[in-house]
Amino acid sequence: MWLVACLFVRADHRARGVPYALVRAAVELARQHGALAIEGWPIAGSDRHSAGAFVGRQSMFEDLGFRRVASPDPQRALMRRELTDAPGQQP
């Protein structure tokens, strides 16, 4: 199991889709190394100004084919993407 722990994007590069590119690259790297799944623990909900947003947002993980598998607390979601799909396939 692989984990996307956090996503740091410099302030002058935000709002350009960088987190999406980072997670896509992490999914592909995990797949290339034989991982069966990859997880993230993003912020749940849509608070755009959350201090914890460096872990990503649930909506971004959903957009990238992850599904919510648990809610460890009201502000966090455990998201997982199974990597049994074809190599190179991306949402």
N, C-alpha and C. Protein backbone atom coordinates (compact mmCIF):
# COMPACT_ATOMS: atom_id res chain seq x y z
N MET A 1 0.85 -1.18 0.00
CA MET A 1 0.00 0.00 0.00
C MET A 1 0.88 1.23 0.00
N TRP A 2 0.58 2.16 -0.88
CA TRP A 2 1.30 3.43 -0.94
C TRP A 2 0.43 4.53 -0.37
N LEU A 3 1.05 5.62 0.08
CA LEU A 3 0.33 6.72 0.71
C LEU A 3 0.82 8.05 0.15
N VAL A 4 -0.13 8.90 -0.23
CA VAL A 4 0.17 10.29 -0.57
C VAL A 4 0.01 11.06 0.74
N ALA A 5 1.13 11.40 1.36
CA ALA A 5 1.08 11.98 2.71
C ALA A 5 0.74 13.47 2.71
N CYS A 6 1.39 14.24 1.85
CA CYS A 6 1.08 15.66 1.78
C CYS A 6 1.54 16.21 0.45
N LEU A 7 1.03 17.38 0.11
CA LEU A 7 1.32 18.02 -1.17
C LEU A 7 1.73 19.45 -0.88
N PHE A 8 2.98 19.77 -1.10
CA PHE A 8 3.43 21.15 -0.89
C PHE A 8 3.58 21.82 -2.23
N VAL A 9 2.88 22.93 -2.39
CA VAL A 9 2.95 23.72 -3.63
C VAL A 9 3.26 25.15 -3.23
N ARG A 10 4.34 25.69 -3.78
CA ARG A 10 4.69 27.07 -3.48
C ARG A 10 3.53 27.99 -3.80
N ALA A 11 3.41 29.05 -3.02
CA ALA A 11 2.29 29.99 -3.18
C ALA A 11 2.18 30.53 -4.59
N ASP A 12 3.30 30.80 -5.25
CA ASP A 12 3.24 31.37 -6.59
C ASP A 12 2.90 30.34 -7.67
N HIS A 13 2.71 29.08 -7.29
CA HIS A 13 2.32 28.03 -8.25
C HIS A 13 0.95 27.43 -7.93
N ARG A 14 0.25 27.99 -6.97
CA ARG A 14 -1.06 27.47 -6.61
C ARG A 14 -2.11 27.88 -7.64
N ALA A 15 -3.23 27.15 -7.62
CA ALA A 15 -4.35 27.40 -8.54
C ALA A 15 -3.95 27.15 -9.99
N ARG A 16 -3.03 26.21 -10.20
CA ARG A 16 -2.59 25.83 -11.55
C ARG A 16 -2.70 24.33 -11.79
N GLY A 17 -3.33 23.62 -10.86
CA GLY A 17 -3.49 22.18 -11.05
C GLY A 17 -2.31 21.34 -10.61
N VAL A 18 -1.36 21.94 -9.91
CA VAL A 18 -0.17 21.20 -9.50
C VAL A 18 -0.51 20.01 -8.60
N PRO A 19 -1.40 20.15 -7.61
CA PRO A 19 -1.72 18.97 -6.77
C PRO A 19 -2.29 17.81 -7.60
N TYR A 20 -3.09 18.10 -8.59
CA TYR A 20 -3.62 17.05 -9.46
C TYR A 20 -2.48 16.32 -10.16
N ALA A 21 -1.53 17.08 -10.69
CA ALA A 21 -0.39 16.48 -11.39
C ALA A 21 0.45 15.63 -10.42
N LEU A 22 0.64 16.11 -9.20
CA LEU A 22 1.43 15.36 -8.22
C LEU A 22 0.76 14.03 -7.87
N VAL A 23 -0.55 14.05 -7.65
CA VAL A 23 -1.25 12.81 -7.30
C VAL A 23 -1.29 11.86 -8.49
N ARG A 24 -1.52 12.38 -9.69
CA ARG A 24 -1.48 11.52 -10.88
C ARG A 24 -0.12 10.83 -11.00
N ALA A 25 0.95 11.59 -10.79
CA ALA A 25 2.30 11.02 -10.87
C ALA A 25 2.52 9.98 -9.78
N ALA A 26 2.01 10.23 -8.58
CA ALA A 26 2.14 9.26 -7.48
C ALA A 26 1.40 7.97 -7.81
N VAL A 27 0.21 8.09 -8.40
CA VAL A 27 -0.55 6.90 -8.80
C VAL A 27 0.23 6.09 -9.82
N GLU A 28 0.78 6.77 -10.81
CA GLU A 28 1.52 6.06 -11.85
C GLU A 28 2.79 5.42 -11.30
N LEU A 29 3.50 6.12 -10.44
CA LEU A 29 4.71 5.56 -9.85
C LEU A 29 4.38 4.34 -8.99
N ALA A 30 3.33 4.43 -8.20
CA ALA A 30 2.91 3.29 -7.38
C ALA A 30 2.56 2.09 -8.27
N ARG A 31 1.82 2.36 -9.35
CA ARG A 31 1.45 1.29 -10.29
C ARG A 31 2.69 0.64 -10.91
N GLN A 32 3.64 1.46 -11.33
CA GLN A 32 4.86 0.94 -11.96
C GLN A 32 5.67 0.07 -11.00
N HIS A 33 5.53 0.32 -9.71
CA HIS A 33 6.28 -0.45 -8.71
C HIS A 33 5.45 -1.59 -8.13
N GLY A 34 4.31 -1.89 -8.74
CA GLY A 34 3.52 -3.04 -8.36
C GLY A 34 2.58 -2.86 -7.18
N ALA A 35 2.33 -1.63 -6.77
CA ALA A 35 1.39 -1.39 -5.67
C ALA A 35 -0.01 -1.84 -6.08
N LEU A 36 -0.74 -2.38 -5.14
CA LEU A 36 -2.12 -2.80 -5.39
C LEU A 36 -3.10 -1.66 -5.16
N ALA A 37 -2.70 -0.67 -4.36
CA ALA A 37 -3.57 0.46 -4.06
C ALA A 37 -2.72 1.61 -3.56
N ILE A 38 -3.31 2.80 -3.59
CA ILE A 38 -2.67 4.00 -3.06
C ILE A 38 -3.74 4.76 -2.28
N GLU A 39 -3.33 5.36 -1.15
CA GLU A 39 -4.28 6.07 -0.30
C GLU A 39 -3.83 7.50 -0.05
N GLY A 40 -4.79 8.30 0.36
CA GLY A 40 -4.55 9.66 0.81
C GLY A 40 -5.48 9.94 1.98
N TRP A 41 -5.12 10.91 2.81
CA TRP A 41 -5.92 11.31 3.98
C TRP A 41 -6.27 12.79 3.87
N PRO A 42 -7.02 13.19 2.84
CA PRO A 42 -7.26 14.61 2.60
C PRO A 42 -8.26 15.23 3.57
N ILE A 43 -8.36 16.54 3.46
CA ILE A 43 -9.37 17.30 4.18
C ILE A 43 -10.73 16.97 3.58
N ALA A 44 -11.69 16.67 4.45
CA ALA A 44 -13.06 16.40 3.99
C ALA A 44 -13.78 17.74 3.83
N GLY A 45 -14.73 17.78 2.93
CA GLY A 45 -15.50 18.99 2.73
C GLY A 45 -14.82 19.97 1.79
N SER A 46 -15.27 21.21 1.83
CA SER A 46 -14.81 22.17 0.82
C SER A 46 -14.23 23.45 1.41
N ASP A 47 -13.74 23.43 2.63
CA ASP A 47 -13.16 24.62 3.23
C ASP A 47 -11.88 24.99 2.49
N ARG A 48 -11.95 25.98 1.63
CA ARG A 48 -10.81 26.34 0.77
C ARG A 48 -9.68 26.99 1.56
N HIS A 49 -9.92 27.41 2.78
CA HIS A 49 -8.90 28.11 3.55
C HIS A 49 -8.40 27.29 4.72
N SER A 50 -8.59 26.02 4.67
CA SER A 50 -8.15 25.16 5.77
C SER A 50 -6.63 25.15 5.87
N ALA A 51 -6.14 25.27 7.10
CA ALA A 51 -4.69 25.23 7.34
C ALA A 51 -4.13 23.84 7.02
N GLY A 52 -4.99 22.82 7.01
CA GLY A 52 -4.53 21.46 6.74
C GLY A 52 -4.63 21.05 5.29
N ALA A 53 -4.84 22.00 4.39
CA ALA A 53 -5.06 21.66 2.98
C ALA A 53 -3.82 21.07 2.29
N PHE A 54 -2.67 21.10 2.95
CA PHE A 54 -1.45 20.53 2.36
C PHE A 54 -1.58 19.02 2.16
N VAL A 55 -2.59 18.40 2.76
CA VAL A 55 -2.81 16.96 2.56
C VAL A 55 -3.75 16.70 1.38
N GLY A 56 -4.22 17.76 0.75
CA GLY A 56 -5.14 17.63 -0.37
C GLY A 56 -6.58 17.77 0.08
N ARG A 57 -7.45 17.82 -0.88
CA ARG A 57 -8.89 17.93 -0.61
C ARG A 57 -9.59 16.68 -1.14
N GLN A 58 -10.63 16.29 -0.43
CA GLN A 58 -11.37 15.08 -0.81
C GLN A 58 -11.85 15.15 -2.24
N SER A 59 -12.35 16.30 -2.67
CA SER A 59 -12.89 16.43 -4.03
C SER A 59 -11.82 16.16 -5.09
N MET A 60 -10.58 16.58 -4.83
CA MET A 60 -9.51 16.33 -5.80
C MET A 60 -9.25 14.82 -5.92
N PHE A 61 -9.18 14.14 -4.78
CA PHE A 61 -8.95 12.70 -4.81
C PHE A 61 -10.10 11.99 -5.52
N GLU A 62 -11.33 12.43 -5.29
CA GLU A 62 -12.48 11.84 -6.00
C GLU A 62 -12.34 12.06 -7.50
N ASP A 63 -11.95 13.26 -7.91
CA ASP A 63 -11.77 13.56 -9.33
C ASP A 63 -10.74 12.62 -9.97
N LEU A 64 -9.79 12.14 -9.17
CA LEU A 64 -8.70 11.31 -9.68
C LEU A 64 -8.95 9.81 -9.48
N GLY A 65 -10.19 9.44 -9.20
CA GLY A 65 -10.55 8.04 -9.15
C GLY A 65 -10.42 7.37 -7.80
N PHE A 66 -10.17 8.14 -6.74
CA PHE A 66 -10.13 7.58 -5.39
C PHE A 66 -11.55 7.51 -4.84
N ARG A 67 -11.77 6.59 -3.92
CA ARG A 67 -13.08 6.52 -3.25
C ARG A 67 -12.87 6.61 -1.75
N ARG A 68 -13.83 7.19 -1.08
CA ARG A 68 -13.76 7.34 0.38
C ARG A 68 -14.02 5.97 1.01
N VAL A 69 -13.11 5.54 1.87
CA VAL A 69 -13.26 4.24 2.52
C VAL A 69 -13.44 4.37 4.03
N ALA A 70 -13.16 5.54 4.60
CA ALA A 70 -13.34 5.75 6.04
C ALA A 70 -13.33 7.24 6.34
N SER A 71 -13.81 7.57 7.53
CA SER A 71 -13.80 8.95 8.03
C SER A 71 -13.21 8.93 9.43
N PRO A 72 -11.88 9.06 9.54
CA PRO A 72 -11.25 8.98 10.86
C PRO A 72 -11.71 10.08 11.80
N ASP A 73 -12.08 11.23 11.27
CA ASP A 73 -12.71 12.30 12.06
C ASP A 73 -13.48 13.19 11.09
N PRO A 74 -14.29 14.12 11.58
CA PRO A 74 -15.14 14.91 10.68
C PRO A 74 -14.39 15.76 9.65
N GLN A 75 -13.13 16.10 9.94
CA GLN A 75 -12.38 16.94 9.01
C GLN A 75 -11.50 16.16 8.04
N ARG A 76 -11.41 14.85 8.19
CA ARG A 76 -10.51 14.06 7.34
C ARG A 76 -11.26 12.90 6.70
N ALA A 77 -10.77 12.48 5.53
CA ALA A 77 -11.33 11.33 4.82
C ALA A 77 -10.17 10.40 4.46
N LEU A 78 -10.39 9.13 4.55
CA LEU A 78 -9.42 8.15 4.05
C LEU A 78 -9.89 7.77 2.66
N MET A 79 -9.07 8.09 1.66
CA MET A 79 -9.40 7.84 0.26
C MET A 79 -8.47 6.77 -0.28
N ARG A 80 -9.00 5.88 -1.11
CA ARG A 80 -8.18 4.80 -1.68
C ARG A 80 -8.47 4.66 -3.16
N ARG A 81 -7.42 4.39 -3.90
CA ARG A 81 -7.57 4.05 -5.31
C ARG A 81 -6.92 2.70 -5.53
N GLU A 82 -7.73 1.75 -5.95
CA GLU A 82 -7.22 0.42 -6.29
C GLU A 82 -6.47 0.54 -7.61
N LEU A 83 -5.38 -0.17 -7.75
CA LEU A 83 -4.56 -0.07 -8.95
C LEU A 83 -4.62 -1.34 -9.78
N THR A 84 -5.80 -1.90 -9.86
CA THR A 84 -5.99 -3.10 -10.67
C THR A 84 -6.39 -2.75 -12.10
N ASP A 85 -6.55 -1.42 -12.38
CA ASP A 85 -6.89 -1.02 -13.74
C ASP A 85 -5.66 -1.15 -14.64
N ALA A 86 -5.84 -0.98 -15.90
CA ALA A 86 -4.76 -1.18 -16.88
C ALA A 86 -3.62 -0.19 -16.66
N PRO A 87 -2.38 -0.61 -16.86
CA PRO A 87 -1.24 0.29 -16.71
C PRO A 87 -1.39 1.53 -17.58
N GLY A 88 -1.06 2.68 -16.99
CA GLY A 88 -1.13 3.94 -17.72
C GLY A 88 -2.51 4.55 -17.78
N GLN A 89 -3.54 3.85 -17.33
CA GLN A 89 -4.90 4.39 -17.39
C GLN A 89 -5.06 5.41 -16.28
N GLN A 90 -5.54 6.59 -16.61
CA GLN A 90 -5.73 7.65 -15.65
C GLN A 90 -7.12 8.24 -15.87
N PRO A 91 -7.78 8.67 -14.80
CA PRO A 91 -9.08 9.32 -15.00
C PRO A 91 -8.92 10.69 -15.62
